[in-house]
Amino acid sequence: MKAVLMESFGGPLTVTEVKDPTPAPDGVVIEVKANGICRSDWHAWMGHDPDVRLPHVPGHELAGIVVEIGSSVTRWKIGDRVTVPFCSGCGVCPECQSGNQQVCPDQFQPGFSAWGSFARYVALPYADGNLVRLPDELGFVEAASLGCRFMTSFRGVIDQGRVRGGDWVAVHGCGGVGLSAVMIAAAVGA
C-alpha cells in the first residue's frame, strides 16, 4: 500500500510502498477515506514523543471503512463506516472501566504508539471498545475531525465541565480544540 513514511525526525516525509497491515485478534483494518492534520502530528515528526519509533507512518485523525476484522471482534463488520479516538484504551483496566481511557497504561494511539493513518490502510486494536460508528449522512472529511479535536473538547466541556444549556463558557485559545469547544458548548445551549 502507499503510505507517508517518516524516516528521520524533522526530515522529509516520503510517499512510498509499505506492507499492508493485518488486524490484531481484537482489532480491525480500516481503509482510510479522510485524514486530519493536528499539531500532535508535528510533535511526532519533530521527535517530541518517545512512543514514535522510526521508520514511522504518522496520522491519528481519521475516518474510513472496516475492510478486515480480527478473530475476537464482535461489534463490527466489513463495510462499517467508522472513526476512532486519538487515545484508545484497552477497555479492561481500572482507568478504562472508570471512563478514563486517555490514561490507560496500555492505550493505543494511531500515528504514535504504532503506524498511523497517513496510508491507504491502518490497523487499529481494541476495536470493540473504541471504534465509533459514523451515520450515513456524515461525510468522511467531517468525521476525521471528531477523533481528536472534538473528543478532546467533549471530554472537557461536557464530561468534566458539565456544561449545560444557559451556562456561560469562555474558551481561551481557539485552534482546533478551542473552536470545537465553542461548537459543543453552543450545541448544548450554553
C-alpha atoms as a PDB file:
ATOM      1  CA  MET A   1       0.000   0.000   0.000  1.00  0.00           C
ATOM      2  CA  LYS A   2       1.062   3.627  -0.329  1.00  0.00           C
ATOM      3  CA  ALA A   3       1.874   5.481   2.867  1.00  0.00           C
ATOM      4  CA  VAL A   4       3.573   8.637   4.064  1.00  0.00           C
ATOM      5  CA  LEU A   5       6.788   7.426   5.662  1.00  0.00           C
ATOM      6  CA  MET A   6       8.865   9.332   8.200  1.00  0.00           C
ATOM      7  CA  GLU A   7      12.436   8.017   8.276  1.00  0.00           C
ATOM      8  CA  SER A   8      14.049  10.775  10.362  1.00  0.00           C
ATOM      9  CA  PHE A   9      12.745  13.266  12.899  1.00  0.00           C
ATOM     10  CA  GLY A  10      12.334  16.666  11.291  1.00  0.00           C
ATOM     11  CA  GLY A  11      13.331  15.252   7.905  1.00  0.00           C
ATOM     12  CA  PRO A  12      11.376  14.966   4.682  1.00  0.00           C
ATOM     13  CA  LEU A  13       8.343  12.716   4.502  1.00  0.00           C
ATOM     14  CA  THR A  14       8.103  10.397   1.508  1.00  0.00           C
ATOM     15  CA  VAL A  15       5.200   8.618  -0.144  1.00  0.00           C
ATOM     16  CA  THR A  16       6.278   5.030  -0.608  1.00  0.00           C
ATOM     17  CA  GLU A  17       5.041   1.452  -0.768  1.00  0.00           C
ATOM     18  CA  VAL A  18       4.863  -0.398   2.568  1.00  0.00           C
ATOM     19  CA  LYS A  19       3.369  -3.727   3.621  1.00  0.00           C
ATOM     20  CA  ASP A  20      -0.406  -3.840   4.153  1.00  0.00           C
ATOM     21  CA  PRO A  21      -1.344  -4.075   7.855  1.00  0.00           C
ATOM     22  CA  THR A  22      -3.095  -7.048   9.412  1.00  0.00           C
ATOM     23  CA  PRO A  23      -5.525  -6.835  12.328  1.00  0.00           C
ATOM     24  CA  ALA A  24      -4.738  -7.973  15.847  1.00  0.00           C
ATOM     25  CA  PRO A  25      -7.254 -10.541  17.162  1.00  0.00           C
ATOM     26  CA  ASP A  26      -9.126  -7.670  18.895  1.00  0.00           C
ATOM     27  CA  GLY A  27      -8.623  -5.221  16.041  1.00  0.00           C
ATOM     28  CA  VAL A  28      -9.636  -4.196  12.552  1.00  0.00           C
ATOM     29  CA  VAL A  29      -8.047  -2.793   9.429  1.00  0.00           C
ATOM     30  CA  ILE A  30      -9.593   0.430   8.163  1.00  0.00           C
ATOM     31  CA  GLU A  31      -9.428   1.699   4.596  1.00  0.00           C
ATOM     32  CA  VAL A  32      -8.669   5.360   5.263  1.00  0.00           C
ATOM     33  CA  LYS A  33     -11.033   7.725   3.444  1.00  0.00           C
ATOM     34  CA  ALA A  34     -10.034  11.003   5.153  1.00  0.00           C
ATOM     35  CA  ASN A  35      -7.375  12.360   7.497  1.00  0.00           C
ATOM     36  CA  GLY A  36      -6.972  15.463   9.592  1.00  0.00           C
ATOM     37  CA  ILE A  37      -3.649  17.042  10.444  1.00  0.00           C
ATOM     38  CA  CYS A  38      -3.006  18.100  14.028  1.00  0.00           C
ATOM     39  CA  ARG A  39      -0.272  19.873  15.957  1.00  0.00           C
ATOM     40  CA  SER A  40       0.384  16.493  17.584  1.00  0.00           C
ATOM     41  CA  ASP A  41       1.486  15.198  14.164  1.00  0.00           C
ATOM     42  CA  TRP A  42       4.113  17.955  14.090  1.00  0.00           C
ATOM     43  CA  HIS A  43       5.318  16.896  17.553  1.00  0.00           C
ATOM     44  CA  ALA A  44       5.661  13.295  16.336  1.00  0.00           C
ATOM     45  CA  TRP A  45       7.585  14.471  13.237  1.00  0.00           C
ATOM     46  CA  MET A  46       9.912  16.563  15.415  1.00  0.00           C
ATOM     47  CA  GLY A  47      10.653  13.596  17.697  1.00  0.00           C
ATOM     48  CA  HIS A  48       8.988  15.042  20.794  1.00  0.00           C
ATOM     49  CA  ASP A  49       7.028  11.862  21.557  1.00  0.00           C
ATOM     50  CA  PRO A  50       9.056   8.914  22.891  1.00  0.00           C
ATOM     51  CA  ASP A  51       6.472   6.394  21.590  1.00  0.00           C
ATOM     52  CA  VAL A  52       7.291   7.187  17.954  1.00  0.00           C
ATOM     53  CA  ARG A  53       9.817   4.714  16.531  1.00  0.00           C
ATOM     54  CA  LEU A  54      11.359   5.127  13.078  1.00  0.00           C
ATOM     55  CA  PRO A  55      10.564   4.377  10.351  1.00  0.00           C
ATOM     56  CA  HIS A  56       7.050   5.547  11.050  1.00  0.00           C
ATOM     57  CA  VAL A  57       3.720   6.328   9.375  1.00  0.00           C
ATOM     58  CA  PRO A  58       2.058   9.299  11.144  1.00  0.00           C
ATOM     59  CA  GLY A  59      -1.629  10.201  11.325  1.00  0.00           C
ATOM     60  CA  HIS A  60      -4.262   9.913  14.045  1.00  0.00           C
ATOM     61  CA  GLU A  61      -7.309  11.900  12.886  1.00  0.00           C
ATOM     62  CA  LEU A  62      -9.067   9.510  10.523  1.00  0.00           C
ATOM     63  CA  ALA A  63     -12.300   8.180   9.159  1.00  0.00           C
ATOM     64  CA  GLY A  64     -12.815   5.181   6.941  1.00  0.00           C
ATOM     65  CA  ILE A  65     -14.354   1.796   6.250  1.00  0.00           C
ATOM     66  CA  VAL A  66     -13.703  -1.509   8.041  1.00  0.00           C
ATOM     67  CA  VAL A  67     -12.124  -3.896   5.494  1.00  0.00           C
ATOM     68  CA  GLU A  68     -10.723  -6.645   7.737  1.00  0.00           C
ATOM     69  CA  ILE A  69     -11.695  -7.937  11.196  1.00  0.00           C
ATOM     70  CA  GLY A  70      -9.698  -9.732  13.885  1.00  0.00           C
ATOM     71  CA  SER A  71     -10.877 -13.094  15.207  1.00  0.00           C
ATOM     72  CA  SER A  72     -12.249 -11.784  18.531  1.00  0.00           C
ATOM     73  CA  VAL A  73     -14.050  -8.657  17.247  1.00  0.00           C
ATOM     74  CA  THR A  74     -17.825  -8.893  17.761  1.00  0.00           C
ATOM     75  CA  ARG A  75     -19.291  -5.390  17.254  1.00  0.00           C
ATOM     76  CA  TRP A  76     -18.048  -4.581  13.741  1.00  0.00           C
ATOM     77  CA  LYS A  77     -18.409  -5.931  10.231  1.00  0.00           C
ATOM     78  CA  ILE A  78     -16.740  -5.306   6.907  1.00  0.00           C
ATOM     79  CA  GLY A  79     -18.172  -2.173   5.329  1.00  0.00           C
ATOM     80  CA  ASP A  80     -18.894  -0.310   8.587  1.00  0.00           C
ATOM     81  CA  ARG A  81     -18.056   3.415   8.430  1.00  0.00           C
ATOM     82  CA  VAL A  82     -16.015   4.440  11.498  1.00  0.00           C
ATOM     83  CA  THR A  83     -13.693   6.834  13.241  1.00  0.00           C
ATOM     84  CA  VAL A  84     -11.600   6.286  16.371  1.00  0.00           C
ATOM     85  CA  PRO A  85     -10.476   8.431  19.330  1.00  0.00           C
ATOM     86  CA  PHE A  86      -6.847   9.530  19.490  1.00  0.00           C
ATOM     87  CA  CYS A  87      -6.376   7.634  22.771  1.00  0.00           C
ATOM     88  CA  SER A  88      -7.865   4.160  22.504  1.00  0.00           C
ATOM     89  CA  GLY A  89      -7.933   2.345  25.824  1.00  0.00           C
ATOM     90  CA  CYS A  90      -7.644  -1.399  26.402  1.00  0.00           C
ATOM     91  CA  GLY A  91     -11.151  -1.471  27.887  1.00  0.00           C
ATOM     92  CA  VAL A  92     -10.340  -3.743  30.824  1.00  0.00           C
ATOM     93  CA  CYS A  93      -8.040  -1.808  33.191  1.00  0.00           C
ATOM     94  CA  PRO A  94      -9.422   0.261  36.118  1.00  0.00           C
ATOM     95  CA  GLU A  95      -8.804   3.512  34.216  1.00  0.00           C
ATOM     96  CA  CYS A  96     -10.819   2.334  31.198  1.00  0.00           C
ATOM     97  CA  GLN A  97     -13.563   0.902  33.408  1.00  0.00           C
ATOM     98  CA  SER A  98     -13.928   4.314  35.105  1.00  0.00           C
ATOM     99  CA  GLY A  99     -14.229   6.145  31.758  1.00  0.00           C
ATOM    100  CA  ASN A 100     -10.678   7.472  31.696  1.00  0.00           C
ATOM    101  CA  GLN A 101      -9.305   5.709  28.625  1.00  0.00           C
ATOM    102  CA  GLN A 102      -6.938   8.618  27.964  1.00  0.00           C
ATOM    103  CA  VAL A 103      -4.780   7.468  30.899  1.00  0.00           C
ATOM    104  CA  CYS A 104      -4.968   3.731  30.147  1.00  0.00           C
ATOM    105  CA  PRO A 105      -1.493   2.297  30.793  1.00  0.00           C
ATOM    106  CA  ASP A 106      -1.863   0.109  27.678  1.00  0.00           C
ATOM    107  CA  GLN A 107      -3.514   2.652  25.387  1.00  0.00           C
ATOM    108  CA  PHE A 108      -3.068   2.728  21.633  1.00  0.00           C
ATOM    109  CA  GLN A 109      -2.540   5.949  19.723  1.00  0.00           C
ATOM    110  CA  PRO A 110      -2.582   5.623  15.933  1.00  0.00           C
ATOM    111  CA  GLY A 111       0.338   7.527  14.476  1.00  0.00           C
ATOM    112  CA  PHE A 112       2.233   7.443  17.769  1.00  0.00           C
ATOM    113  CA  SER A 113       2.392   4.077  19.540  1.00  0.00           C
ATOM    114  CA  ALA A 114       2.034   2.335  16.159  1.00  0.00           C
ATOM    115  CA  TRP A 115       1.801   3.250  12.492  1.00  0.00           C
ATOM    116  CA  GLY A 116      -0.984   5.681  11.756  1.00  0.00           C
ATOM    117  CA  SER A 117      -3.469   6.711   9.120  1.00  0.00           C
ATOM    118  CA  PHE A 118      -1.402   8.632   6.556  1.00  0.00           C
ATOM    119  CA  ALA A 119      -1.717   5.492   4.467  1.00  0.00           C
ATOM    120  CA  ARG A 120      -4.303   3.626   2.452  1.00  0.00           C
ATOM    121  CA  TYR A 121      -4.967   1.269   5.398  1.00  0.00           C
ATOM    122  CA  VAL A 122      -4.422   1.404   9.156  1.00  0.00           C
ATOM    123  CA  ALA A 123      -4.670  -1.384  11.751  1.00  0.00           C
ATOM    124  CA  LEU A 124      -6.496  -0.458  14.954  1.00  0.00           C
ATOM    125  CA  PRO A 125      -6.561  -2.717  18.047  1.00  0.00           C
ATOM    126  CA  TYR A 126      -9.225  -2.663  20.785  1.00  0.00           C
ATOM    127  CA  ALA A 127     -11.892  -2.235  18.094  1.00  0.00           C
ATOM    128  CA  ASP A 128     -14.955  -3.296  20.090  1.00  0.00           C
ATOM    129  CA  GLY A 129     -14.313  -0.693  22.794  1.00  0.00           C
ATOM    130  CA  ASN A 130     -13.088   2.233  20.727  1.00  0.00           C
ATOM    131  CA  LEU A 131     -14.410   2.458  17.193  1.00  0.00           C
ATOM    132  CA  VAL A 132     -17.226   4.948  16.681  1.00  0.00           C
ATOM    133  CA  ARG A 133     -19.877   4.222  14.044  1.00  0.00           C
ATOM    134  CA  LEU A 134     -20.479   7.058  11.585  1.00  0.00           C
ATOM    135  CA  PRO A 135     -24.012   7.909  10.491  1.00  0.00           C
ATOM    136  CA  ASP A 136     -24.513   7.701   6.722  1.00  0.00           C
ATOM    137  CA  GLU A 137     -25.204  11.430   6.449  1.00  0.00           C
ATOM    138  CA  LEU A 138     -21.812  12.369   7.964  1.00  0.00           C
ATOM    139  CA  GLY A 139     -19.019  12.654   5.411  1.00  0.00           C
ATOM    140  CA  PHE A 140     -15.587  11.152   5.949  1.00  0.00           C
ATOM    141  CA  VAL A 141     -13.841  14.543   5.824  1.00  0.00           C
ATOM    142  CA  GLU A 142     -16.059  15.931   8.589  1.00  0.00           C
ATOM    143  CA  ALA A 143     -15.757  12.724  10.610  1.00  0.00           C
ATOM    144  CA  ALA A 144     -11.949  12.768  10.533  1.00  0.00           C
ATOM    145  CA  SER A 145     -12.001  15.804  12.843  1.00  0.00           C
ATOM    146  CA  LEU A 146     -14.022  14.014  15.523  1.00  0.00           C
ATOM    147  CA  GLY A 147     -11.478  11.574  16.968  1.00  0.00           C
ATOM    148  CA  CYS A 148      -9.029  14.085  18.397  1.00  0.00           C
ATOM    149  CA  ARG A 149     -10.315  17.680  18.380  1.00  0.00           C
ATOM    150  CA  PHE A 150     -13.962  17.037  19.158  1.00  0.00           C
ATOM    151  CA  MET A 151     -13.420  14.151  21.585  1.00  0.00           C
ATOM    152  CA  THR A 152     -10.830  16.202  23.490  1.00  0.00           C
ATOM    153  CA  SER A 153     -13.231  19.153  23.687  1.00  0.00           C
ATOM    154  CA  PHE A 154     -16.243  16.994  24.509  1.00  0.00           C
ATOM    155  CA  ARG A 155     -14.453  15.487  27.491  1.00  0.00           C
ATOM    156  CA  GLY A 156     -13.504  18.931  28.806  1.00  0.00           C
ATOM    157  CA  VAL A 157     -16.774  20.736  28.118  1.00  0.00           C
ATOM    158  CA  ILE A 158     -19.400  18.051  28.746  1.00  0.00           C
ATOM    159  CA  ASP A 159     -17.832  15.188  30.707  1.00  0.00           C
ATOM    160  CA  GLN A 160     -15.610  17.148  33.092  1.00  0.00           C
ATOM    161  CA  GLY A 161     -17.034  20.691  32.841  1.00  0.00           C
ATOM    162  CA  ARG A 162     -20.648  19.510  32.867  1.00  0.00           C
ATOM    163  CA  VAL A 163     -21.688  22.495  30.722  1.00  0.00           C
ATOM    164  CA  ARG A 164     -25.442  22.697  30.184  1.00  0.00           C
ATOM    165  CA  GLY A 165     -27.902  24.999  28.448  1.00  0.00           C
ATOM    166  CA  GLY A 166     -27.832  28.529  29.870  1.00  0.00           C
ATOM    167  CA  ASP A 167     -24.235  28.264  31.142  1.00  0.00           C
ATOM    168  CA  TRP A 168     -21.629  30.858  30.171  1.00  0.00           C
ATOM    169  CA  VAL A 169     -18.458  29.460  28.620  1.00  0.00           C
ATOM    170  CA  ALA A 170     -15.167  31.229  27.865  1.00  0.00           C
ATOM    171  CA  VAL A 171     -12.616  29.500  25.647  1.00  0.00           C
ATOM    172  CA  HIS A 172      -9.039  30.750  25.722  1.00  0.00           C
ATOM    173  CA  GLY A 173      -7.162  29.791  22.578  1.00  0.00           C
ATOM    174  CA  CYS A 174      -9.268  28.963  19.571  1.00  0.00           C
ATOM    175  CA  GLY A 175      -7.346  26.480  17.500  1.00  0.00           C
ATOM    176  CA  GLY A 176      -8.939  23.175  16.521  1.00  0.00           C
ATOM    177  CA  VAL A 177      -9.710  22.074  20.088  1.00  0.00           C
ATOM    178  CA  GLY A 178     -10.888  25.528  21.192  1.00  0.00           C
ATOM    179  CA  LEU A 179     -13.191  26.004  18.205  1.00  0.00           C
ATOM    180  CA  SER A 180     -14.590  22.520  18.830  1.00  0.00           C
ATOM    181  CA  ALA A 181     -15.271  23.515  22.453  1.00  0.00           C
ATOM    182  CA  VAL A 182     -17.190  26.583  21.257  1.00  0.00           C
ATOM    183  CA  MET A 183     -19.289  24.439  18.883  1.00  0.00           C
ATOM    184  CA  ILE A 184     -20.021  21.832  21.568  1.00  0.00           C
ATOM    185  CA  ALA A 185     -20.986  24.462  24.156  1.00  0.00           C
ATOM    186  CA  ALA A 186     -23.262  26.172  21.623  1.00  0.00           C
ATOM    187  CA  ALA A 187     -24.845  22.834  20.673  1.00  0.00           C
ATOM    188  CA  VAL A 188     -25.992  22.281  24.269  1.00  0.00           C
ATOM    189  CA  GLY A 189     -27.327  25.841  24.523  1.00  0.00           C
ATOM    190  CA  ALA A 190     -24.547  27.468  26.539  1.00  0.00           C
END
